[in-house]
Amino acid sequence: MKKPKWVIEKERARRASAAETVWLFGLHAVRDALMNPAREKLRLMLTQNAADRLGDAVSAAGIEPEIVDARRFDAPLDPSSVHQGAALEAKPLDWGGLDDVLAKPGPGLLVLLDRVSDPHNVGAVLRSAEVFGARAVIGVARHSAPETGALAKTASGALERQPYLRLRNLADTMERLREEGWLLLGLAGEGEVSLAAALSKGPSEKVALVLGAEGPGLRERTRELCDTLVRIEAAGTFGSLNVSNAAAVALYAASAAQGAG
């Protein structure tokens, strides 16, 4: 019996997804990936100097590196990549879905990214999210930065430990979070109240910080689904923070509010 077209397409998409790999580069990113037992590692390329510096991580990972000449480092990376003589081909991490995030007990912090596509911004957000104990960073599948070497290098190892989910629909995610009792705070320069004031009103046990891309900011539907639009108070009227810096400030404020609660 011939399989329906939709079944064939689904199987094809699953095979294509399984075939996807990512090249991680840079000493910090490669070391942390090697030390992560959840990371499926496929191919490791190192200069002799990098191999000497990563010896413990290579041994722990149980992978045989290819030692290459530093002058002819031919891993398939962008020529501008600062690889430091280390590149690892691996499978992307699987952090599960929203149910896995919500199943964790106790207070929680989440970062929702509305079409933030710059890998350097997302990498920096992941780093801050790990520092301040966020349960996850959540973006949208088609319009947020995928897992790449540039993102991993900016995250400086946080990608291996900080859950990063790319879900199909941000609006559906926000509606589900509200049903589960999360406070949705959208960061915007024209926010109605300050972030500190919104957090002081509570509840602050489960807070989702929603940030938009550089320039466009939050989309209209995203704004509508936030409980409150908040601003980060500034000393003057000069400029504004970029998305990764705003995320760091907001994460600090929210984690402090939870600690004081």
C-alpha atoms as a PDB file:
ATOM      1  CA  MET A   1       0.000   0.000   0.000  1.00  0.00           C
ATOM      2  CA  LYS A   2       1.369   3.369  -1.012  1.00  0.00           C
ATOM      3  CA  LYS A   3       2.038   5.797   1.836  1.00  0.00           C
ATOM      4  CA  PRO A   4       0.063   9.061   1.850  1.00  0.00           C
ATOM      5  CA  LYS A   5       1.976  12.106   0.679  1.00  0.00           C
ATOM      6  CA  TRP A   6       1.874  13.735   4.109  1.00  0.00           C
ATOM      7  CA  VAL A   7       3.445  10.647   5.711  1.00  0.00           C
ATOM      8  CA  ILE A   8       6.256  10.617   3.144  1.00  0.00           C
ATOM      9  CA  GLU A   9       6.923  14.324   3.661  1.00  0.00           C
ATOM     10  CA  LYS A  10       6.950  13.917   7.444  1.00  0.00           C
ATOM     11  CA  GLU A  11       9.442  11.043   7.250  1.00  0.00           C
ATOM     12  CA  ARG A  12      11.600  13.020   4.831  1.00  0.00           C
ATOM     13  CA  ALA A  13      11.627  16.014   7.167  1.00  0.00           C
ATOM     14  CA  ARG A  14      12.553  13.778  10.114  1.00  0.00           C
ATOM     15  CA  ARG A  15      15.476  12.287   8.178  1.00  0.00           C
ATOM     16  CA  ALA A  16      16.656  15.743   7.104  1.00  0.00           C
ATOM     17  CA  SER A  17      16.487  16.973  10.672  1.00  0.00           C
ATOM     18  CA  ALA A  18      18.478  13.983  11.906  1.00  0.00           C
ATOM     19  CA  ALA A  19      21.124  14.686   9.284  1.00  0.00           C
ATOM     20  CA  GLU A  20      21.647  18.281  10.401  1.00  0.00           C
ATOM     21  CA  THR A  21      24.886  19.055  12.140  1.00  0.00           C
ATOM     22  CA  VAL A  22      26.469  22.174  13.543  1.00  0.00           C
ATOM     23  CA  TRP A  23      30.135  23.174  13.567  1.00  0.00           C
ATOM     24  CA  LEU A  24      31.163  24.642  16.926  1.00  0.00           C
ATOM     25  CA  PHE A  25      34.415  26.543  17.159  1.00  0.00           C
ATOM     26  CA  GLY A  26      36.610  28.319  19.669  1.00  0.00           C
ATOM     27  CA  LEU A  27      38.319  26.841  22.725  1.00  0.00           C
ATOM     28  CA  HIS A  28      35.549  27.610  25.255  1.00  0.00           C
ATOM     29  CA  ALA A  29      32.664  26.441  23.069  1.00  0.00           C
ATOM     30  CA  VAL A  30      34.433  23.260  21.968  1.00  0.00           C
ATOM     31  CA  ARG A  31      35.622  22.410  25.491  1.00  0.00           C
ATOM     32  CA  ASP A  32      32.123  22.729  26.954  1.00  0.00           C
ATOM     33  CA  ALA A  33      30.600  20.727  24.118  1.00  0.00           C
ATOM     34  CA  LEU A  34      33.164  17.959  24.626  1.00  0.00           C
ATOM     35  CA  MET A  35      32.368  17.869  28.344  1.00  0.00           C
ATOM     36  CA  ASN A  36      28.604  17.690  27.705  1.00  0.00           C
ATOM     37  CA  PRO A  37      27.455  14.041  27.700  1.00  0.00           C
ATOM     38  CA  ALA A  38      24.183  15.072  26.024  1.00  0.00           C
ATOM     39  CA  ARG A  39      26.032  16.431  22.987  1.00  0.00           C
ATOM     40  CA  GLU A  40      26.456  13.937  20.121  1.00  0.00           C
ATOM     41  CA  LYS A  41      29.952  14.568  18.796  1.00  0.00           C
ATOM     42  CA  LEU A  42      30.892  13.573  15.262  1.00  0.00           C
ATOM     43  CA  ARG A  43      34.203  15.077  14.175  1.00  0.00           C
ATOM     44  CA  LEU A  44      36.872  17.039  16.038  1.00  0.00           C
ATOM     45  CA  MET A  45      39.539  19.110  14.287  1.00  0.00           C
ATOM     46  CA  LEU A  46      42.347  20.628  16.354  1.00  0.00           C
ATOM     47  CA  THR A  47      45.703  22.235  15.858  1.00  0.00           C
ATOM     48  CA  GLN A  48      48.435  20.764  18.046  1.00  0.00           C
ATOM     49  CA  ASN A  49      48.325  23.802  20.317  1.00  0.00           C
ATOM     50  CA  ALA A  50      44.553  23.483  20.771  1.00  0.00           C
ATOM     51  CA  ALA A  51      44.890  19.737  21.371  1.00  0.00           C
ATOM     52  CA  ASP A  52      47.366  20.410  24.150  1.00  0.00           C
ATOM     53  CA  ARG A  53      45.001  22.921  25.767  1.00  0.00           C
ATOM     54  CA  LEU A  54      41.924  20.705  25.427  1.00  0.00           C
ATOM     55  CA  GLY A  55      43.551  17.404  26.338  1.00  0.00           C
ATOM     56  CA  ASP A  56      41.396  16.726  29.410  1.00  0.00           C
ATOM     57  CA  ALA A  57      38.144  17.475  27.579  1.00  0.00           C
ATOM     58  CA  VAL A  58      39.160  15.349  24.575  1.00  0.00           C
ATOM     59  CA  SER A  59      39.946  12.421  26.865  1.00  0.00           C
ATOM     60  CA  ALA A  60      36.634  12.813  28.708  1.00  0.00           C
ATOM     61  CA  ALA A  61      34.695  12.877  25.431  1.00  0.00           C
ATOM     62  CA  GLY A  62      36.404   9.760  24.117  1.00  0.00           C
ATOM     63  CA  ILE A  63      36.734  11.176  20.606  1.00  0.00           C
ATOM     64  CA  GLU A  64      39.830  10.925  18.441  1.00  0.00           C
ATOM     65  CA  PRO A  65      40.780  14.378  17.109  1.00  0.00           C
ATOM     66  CA  GLU A  66      42.156  15.152  13.678  1.00  0.00           C
ATOM     67  CA  ILE A  67      45.346  17.160  14.194  1.00  0.00           C
ATOM     68  CA  VAL A  68      45.619  19.751  11.433  1.00  0.00           C
ATOM     69  CA  ASP A  69      48.173  22.337  10.403  1.00  0.00           C
ATOM     70  CA  ALA A  70      47.361  25.755  11.876  1.00  0.00           C
ATOM     71  CA  ARG A  71      48.150  27.353   8.500  1.00  0.00           C
ATOM     72  CA  ARG A  72      45.653  25.144   6.665  1.00  0.00           C
ATOM     73  CA  PHE A  73      42.761  24.818   9.098  1.00  0.00           C
ATOM     74  CA  ASP A  74      40.188  23.533   6.638  1.00  0.00           C
ATOM     75  CA  ALA A  75      37.109  22.981   8.809  1.00  0.00           C
ATOM     76  CA  PRO A  76      33.988  24.227   6.953  1.00  0.00           C
ATOM     77  CA  LEU A  77      33.728  27.495   8.855  1.00  0.00           C
ATOM     78  CA  ASP A  78      33.164  31.072   7.794  1.00  0.00           C
ATOM     79  CA  PRO A  79      36.589  32.553   7.015  1.00  0.00           C
ATOM     80  CA  SER A  80      35.984  35.276   9.615  1.00  0.00           C
ATOM     81  CA  SER A  81      35.408  32.741  12.417  1.00  0.00           C
ATOM     82  CA  VAL A  82      37.860  33.079  15.291  1.00  0.00           C
ATOM     83  CA  HIS A  83      38.263  29.326  15.775  1.00  0.00           C
ATOM     84  CA  GLN A  84      41.442  29.339  17.923  1.00  0.00           C
ATOM     85  CA  GLY A  85      42.439  26.082  16.278  1.00  0.00           C
ATOM     86  CA  ALA A  86      39.414  24.100  17.488  1.00  0.00           C
ATOM     87  CA  ALA A  87      36.288  22.978  15.614  1.00  0.00           C
ATOM     88  CA  LEU A  88      33.755  20.287  16.480  1.00  0.00           C
ATOM     89  CA  GLU A  89      31.028  18.899  14.248  1.00  0.00           C
ATOM     90  CA  ALA A  90      28.079  17.817  16.385  1.00  0.00           C
ATOM     91  CA  LYS A  91      24.351  17.258  16.385  1.00  0.00           C
ATOM     92  CA  PRO A  92      22.174  20.106  17.713  1.00  0.00           C
ATOM     93  CA  LEU A  93      21.010  19.697  21.300  1.00  0.00           C
ATOM     94  CA  ASP A  94      17.465  18.562  22.064  1.00  0.00           C
ATOM     95  CA  TRP A  95      16.068  20.406  25.082  1.00  0.00           C
ATOM     96  CA  GLY A  96      12.587  18.915  24.781  1.00  0.00           C
ATOM     97  CA  GLY A  97       9.474  21.071  24.674  1.00  0.00           C
ATOM     98  CA  LEU A  98       7.524  23.563  26.742  1.00  0.00           C
ATOM     99  CA  ASP A  99       6.051  20.816  28.915  1.00  0.00           C
ATOM    100  CA  ASP A 100       9.547  19.888  30.060  1.00  0.00           C
ATOM    101  CA  VAL A 101      10.224  23.490  31.065  1.00  0.00           C
ATOM    102  CA  LEU A 102       6.936  23.867  32.924  1.00  0.00           C
ATOM    103  CA  ALA A 103       7.370  20.564  34.749  1.00  0.00           C
ATOM    104  CA  LYS A 104      10.277  21.911  36.782  1.00  0.00           C
ATOM    105  CA  PRO A 105       9.178  22.681  40.360  1.00  0.00           C
ATOM    106  CA  GLY A 106       9.487  25.937  42.240  1.00  0.00           C
ATOM    107  CA  PRO A 107       9.922  29.565  41.147  1.00  0.00           C
ATOM    108  CA  GLY A 108      10.963  30.231  37.624  1.00  0.00           C
ATOM    109  CA  LEU A 109      12.415  32.702  35.151  1.00  0.00           C
ATOM    110  CA  LEU A 110      11.977  32.517  31.395  1.00  0.00           C
ATOM    111  CA  VAL A 111      13.222  34.667  28.547  1.00  0.00           C
ATOM    112  CA  LEU A 112      11.030  34.845  25.425  1.00  0.00           C
ATOM    113  CA  LEU A 113      12.635  36.262  22.300  1.00  0.00           C
ATOM    114  CA  ASP A 114      10.320  37.682  19.656  1.00  0.00           C
ATOM    115  CA  ARG A 115      12.168  37.175  16.364  1.00  0.00           C
ATOM    116  CA  VAL A 116      15.656  37.885  17.701  1.00  0.00           C
ATOM    117  CA  SER A 117      17.709  36.495  14.845  1.00  0.00           C
ATOM    118  CA  ASP A 118      21.232  37.782  15.554  1.00  0.00           C
ATOM    119  CA  PRO A 119      23.274  34.815  16.883  1.00  0.00           C
ATOM    120  CA  HIS A 120      25.547  37.110  18.898  1.00  0.00           C
ATOM    121  CA  ASN A 121      22.578  38.637  20.710  1.00  0.00           C
ATOM    122  CA  VAL A 122      21.032  35.240  21.404  1.00  0.00           C
ATOM    123  CA  GLY A 123      24.365  33.842  22.572  1.00  0.00           C
ATOM    124  CA  ALA A 124      24.777  36.733  24.997  1.00  0.00           C
ATOM    125  CA  VAL A 125      21.214  36.261  26.269  1.00  0.00           C
ATOM    126  CA  LEU A 126      21.915  32.567  26.892  1.00  0.00           C
ATOM    127  CA  ARG A 127      24.985  33.482  28.900  1.00  0.00           C
ATOM    128  CA  SER A 128      23.010  35.890  31.104  1.00  0.00           C
ATOM    129  CA  ALA A 129      20.140  33.414  31.411  1.00  0.00           C
ATOM    130  CA  GLU A 130      22.524  30.793  32.781  1.00  0.00           C
ATOM    131  CA  VAL A 131      24.084  33.249  35.242  1.00  0.00           C
ATOM    132  CA  PHE A 132      20.697  34.233  36.687  1.00  0.00           C
ATOM    133  CA  GLY A 133      19.182  30.750  36.677  1.00  0.00           C
ATOM    134  CA  ALA A 134      16.545  31.008  33.956  1.00  0.00           C
ATOM    135  CA  ARG A 135      14.699  27.794  33.179  1.00  0.00           C
ATOM    136  CA  ALA A 136      14.966  28.401  29.454  1.00  0.00           C
ATOM    137  CA  VAL A 137      15.356  30.892  26.645  1.00  0.00           C
ATOM    138  CA  ILE A 138      12.557  30.487  24.111  1.00  0.00           C
ATOM    139  CA  GLY A 139      12.468  31.799  20.560  1.00  0.00           C
ATOM    140  CA  VAL A 140      10.373  31.085  17.485  1.00  0.00           C
ATOM    141  CA  ALA A 141      11.370  28.289  15.140  1.00  0.00           C
ATOM    142  CA  ARG A 142      11.415  30.217  11.875  1.00  0.00           C
ATOM    143  CA  HIS A 143      12.575  33.653  12.977  1.00  0.00           C
ATOM    144  CA  SER A 144      15.124  33.216  15.750  1.00  0.00           C
ATOM    145  CA  ALA A 145      18.811  32.416  15.606  1.00  0.00           C
ATOM    146  CA  PRO A 146      19.419  28.678  15.207  1.00  0.00           C
ATOM    147  CA  GLU A 147      22.178  26.841  17.014  1.00  0.00           C
ATOM    148  CA  THR A 148      25.380  27.848  15.215  1.00  0.00           C
ATOM    149  CA  GLY A 149      29.071  28.120  15.943  1.00  0.00           C
ATOM    150  CA  ALA A 150      28.825  31.906  16.225  1.00  0.00           C
ATOM    151  CA  LEU A 151      25.992  31.631  18.745  1.00  0.00           C
ATOM    152  CA  ALA A 152      27.864  29.005  20.776  1.00  0.00           C
ATOM    153  CA  LYS A 153      31.063  31.042  20.851  1.00  0.00           C
ATOM    154  CA  THR A 154      29.230  34.160  22.075  1.00  0.00           C
ATOM    155  CA  ALA A 155      27.440  32.068  24.697  1.00  0.00           C
ATOM    156  CA  SER A 156      30.876  30.972  25.964  1.00  0.00           C
ATOM    157  CA  GLY A 157      29.731  27.500  26.962  1.00  0.00           C
ATOM    158  CA  ALA A 158      26.244  28.440  28.172  1.00  0.00           C
ATOM    159  CA  LEU A 159      24.677  26.782  25.122  1.00  0.00           C
ATOM    160  CA  GLU A 160      25.638  23.390  26.576  1.00  0.00           C
ATOM    161  CA  ARG A 161      23.850  24.044  29.875  1.00  0.00           C
ATOM    162  CA  GLN A 162      21.127  26.627  29.290  1.00  0.00           C
ATOM    163  CA  PRO A 163      17.983  25.256  27.614  1.00  0.00           C
ATOM    164  CA  TYR A 164      17.280  27.020  24.320  1.00  0.00           C
ATOM    165  CA  LEU A 165      13.952  26.130  22.710  1.00  0.00           C
ATOM    166  CA  ARG A 166      12.699  27.311  19.339  1.00  0.00           C
ATOM    167  CA  LEU A 167       8.946  26.782  19.325  1.00  0.00           C
ATOM    168  CA  ARG A 168       6.519  27.125  16.444  1.00  0.00           C
ATOM    169  CA  ASN A 169       4.279  29.877  17.764  1.00  0.00           C
ATOM    170  CA  LEU A 170       5.232  32.479  20.371  1.00  0.00           C
ATOM    171  CA  ALA A 171       1.630  33.620  20.910  1.00  0.00           C
ATOM    172  CA  ASP A 172       0.507  30.084  21.751  1.00  0.00           C
ATOM    173  CA  THR A 173       3.451  29.762  24.125  1.00  0.00           C
ATOM    174  CA  MET A 174       2.535  32.990  25.903  1.00  0.00           C
ATOM    175  CA  GLU A 175      -1.107  31.957  26.271  1.00  0.00           C
ATOM    176  CA  ARG A 176      -0.030  28.617  27.749  1.00  0.00           C
ATOM    177  CA  LEU A 177       2.307  30.371  30.203  1.00  0.00           C
ATOM    178  CA  ARG A 178      -0.500  32.668  31.363  1.00  0.00           C
ATOM    179  CA  GLU A 179      -2.711  29.637  31.979  1.00  0.00           C
ATOM    180  CA  GLU A 180       0.096  28.179  34.093  1.00  0.00           C
ATOM    181  CA  GLY A 181       0.320  31.324  36.233  1.00  0.00           C
ATOM    182  CA  TRP A 182       3.334  33.053  34.709  1.00  0.00           C
ATOM    183  CA  LEU A 183       3.635  36.847  34.774  1.00  0.00           C
ATOM    184  CA  LEU A 184       4.408  38.064  31.227  1.00  0.00           C
ATOM    185  CA  LEU A 185       6.449  41.273  31.175  1.00  0.00           C
ATOM    186  CA  GLY A 186       7.214  42.793  27.787  1.00  0.00           C
ATOM    187  CA  LEU A 187      10.230  45.091  27.647  1.00  0.00           C
ATOM    188  CA  ALA A 188       9.659  48.254  25.624  1.00  0.00           C
ATOM    189  CA  GLY A 189      11.105  51.744  25.786  1.00  0.00           C
ATOM    190  CA  GLU A 190       7.594  53.173  26.040  1.00  0.00           C
ATOM    191  CA  GLY A 191       6.575  50.738  28.781  1.00  0.00           C
ATOM    192  CA  GLU A 192       3.726  51.846  31.045  1.00  0.00           C
ATOM    193  CA  VAL A 193       5.654  51.203  34.268  1.00  0.00           C
ATOM    194  CA  SER A 194       9.222  50.528  35.272  1.00  0.00           C
ATOM    195  CA  LEU A 195      10.444  46.957  35.473  1.00  0.00           C
ATOM    196  CA  ALA A 196      11.152  47.394  39.192  1.00  0.00           C
ATOM    197  CA  ALA A 197       7.606  48.631  39.855  1.00  0.00           C
ATOM    198  CA  ALA A 198       6.038  45.763  37.911  1.00  0.00           C
ATOM    199  CA  LEU A 199       8.092  43.198  39.811  1.00  0.00           C
ATOM    200  CA  SER A 200       7.237  44.757  43.158  1.00  0.00           C
ATOM    201  CA  LYS A 201       3.521  44.345  42.437  1.00  0.00           C
ATOM    202  CA  GLY A 202       3.995  40.614  41.895  1.00  0.00           C
ATOM    203  CA  PRO A 203       3.458  37.840  41.580  1.00  0.00           C
ATOM    204  CA  SER A 204       7.154  37.342  40.937  1.00  0.00           C
ATOM    205  CA  GLU A 205       7.417  33.575  41.527  1.00  0.00           C
ATOM    206  CA  LYS A 206       7.110  32.803  37.809  1.00  0.00           C
ATOM    207  CA  VAL A 207       8.226  35.576  35.484  1.00  0.00           C
ATOM    208  CA  ALA A 208       8.602  35.475  31.709  1.00  0.00           C
ATOM    209  CA  LEU A 209      10.565  38.389  30.259  1.00  0.00           C
ATOM    210  CA  VAL A 210       9.587  39.085  26.655  1.00  0.00           C
ATOM    211  CA  LEU A 211      12.056  40.926  24.410  1.00  0.00           C
ATOM    212  CA  GLY A 212      11.914  41.917  20.763  1.00  0.00           C
ATOM    213  CA  ALA A 213      14.515  42.241  18.038  1.00  0.00           C
ATOM    214  CA  GLU A 214      16.730  45.268  17.584  1.00  0.00           C
ATOM    215  CA  GLY A 215      14.771  47.954  15.765  1.00  0.00           C
ATOM    216  CA  PRO A 216      11.311  46.393  15.325  1.00  0.00           C
ATOM    217  CA  GLY A 217      10.928  45.495  18.992  1.00  0.00           C
ATOM    218  CA  LEU A 218       7.901  43.485  20.055  1.00  0.00           C
ATOM    219  CA  ARG A 219       5.284  42.662  17.451  1.00  0.00           C
ATOM    220  CA  GLU A 220       1.733  43.913  18.010  1.00  0.00           C
ATOM    221  CA  ARG A 221       0.304  40.510  18.910  1.00  0.00           C
ATOM    222  CA  THR A 222       3.157  39.890  21.338  1.00  0.00           C
ATOM    223  CA  ARG A 223       2.471  43.230  23.029  1.00  0.00           C
ATOM    224  CA  GLU A 224      -1.202  42.380  23.409  1.00  0.00           C
ATOM    225  CA  LEU A 225      -0.412  39.110  25.155  1.00  0.00           C
ATOM    226  CA  CYS A 226       1.930  40.666  27.740  1.00  0.00           C
ATOM    227  CA  ASP A 227       0.443  41.367  31.162  1.00  0.00           C
ATOM    228  CA  THR A 228       2.372  44.629  31.285  1.00  0.00           C
ATOM    229  CA  LEU A 229       4.780  46.523  29.061  1.00  0.00           C
ATOM    230  CA  VAL A 230       7.708  47.625  31.200  1.00  0.00           C
ATOM    231  CA  ARG A 231      10.696  49.882  30.727  1.00  0.00           C
ATOM    232  CA  ILE A 232      14.167  49.823  32.206  1.00  0.00           C
ATOM    233  CA  GLU A 233      14.690  53.112  33.980  1.00  0.00           C
ATOM    234  CA  ALA A 234      17.591  55.171  32.641  1.00  0.00           C
ATOM    235  CA  ALA A 235      19.468  58.096  34.136  1.00  0.00           C
ATOM    236  CA  GLY A 236      18.782  60.251  31.093  1.00  0.00           C
ATOM    237  CA  THR A 237      17.186  60.245  27.673  1.00  0.00           C
ATOM    238  CA  PHE A 238      20.301  59.108  25.819  1.00  0.00           C
ATOM    239  CA  GLY A 239      19.927  55.966  23.721  1.00  0.00           C
ATOM    240  CA  SER A 240      18.756  52.557  24.900  1.00  0.00           C
ATOM    241  CA  LEU A 241      20.142  49.122  25.703  1.00  0.00           C
ATOM    242  CA  ASN A 242      20.444  46.474  23.043  1.00  0.00           C
ATOM    243  CA  VAL A 243      18.425  43.290  23.490  1.00  0.00           C
ATOM    244  CA  SER A 244      21.159  41.244  25.159  1.00  0.00           C
ATOM    245  CA  ASN A 245      22.035  43.990  27.642  1.00  0.00           C
ATOM    246  CA  ALA A 246      18.365  44.600  28.379  1.00  0.00           C
ATOM    247  CA  ALA A 247      17.909  40.876  29.002  1.00  0.00           C
ATOM    248  CA  ALA A 248      20.820  40.849  31.456  1.00  0.00           C
ATOM    249  CA  VAL A 249      19.441  43.819  33.421  1.00  0.00           C
ATOM    250  CA  ALA A 250      15.911  42.381  33.448  1.00  0.00           C
ATOM    251  CA  LEU A 251      17.114  38.926  34.519  1.00  0.00           C
ATOM    252  CA  TYR A 252      19.078  40.443  37.388  1.00  0.00           C
ATOM    253  CA  ALA A 253      16.068  42.494  38.544  1.00  0.00           C
ATOM    254  CA  ALA A 254      13.666  39.549  38.291  1.00  0.00           C
ATOM    255  CA  SER A 255      15.973  37.103  40.051  1.00  0.00           C
ATOM    256  CA  ALA A 256      16.573  39.650  42.827  1.00  0.00           C
ATOM    257  CA  ALA A 257      12.811  40.143  43.228  1.00  0.00           C
ATOM    258  CA  GLN A 258      12.321  36.388  43.504  1.00  0.00           C
ATOM    259  CA  GLY A 259      15.124  36.144  46.051  1.00  0.00           C
ATOM    260  CA  ALA A 260      13.512  38.860  48.160  1.00  0.00           C
ATOM    261  CA  GLY A 261      10.064  37.308  47.937  1.00  0.00           C
END
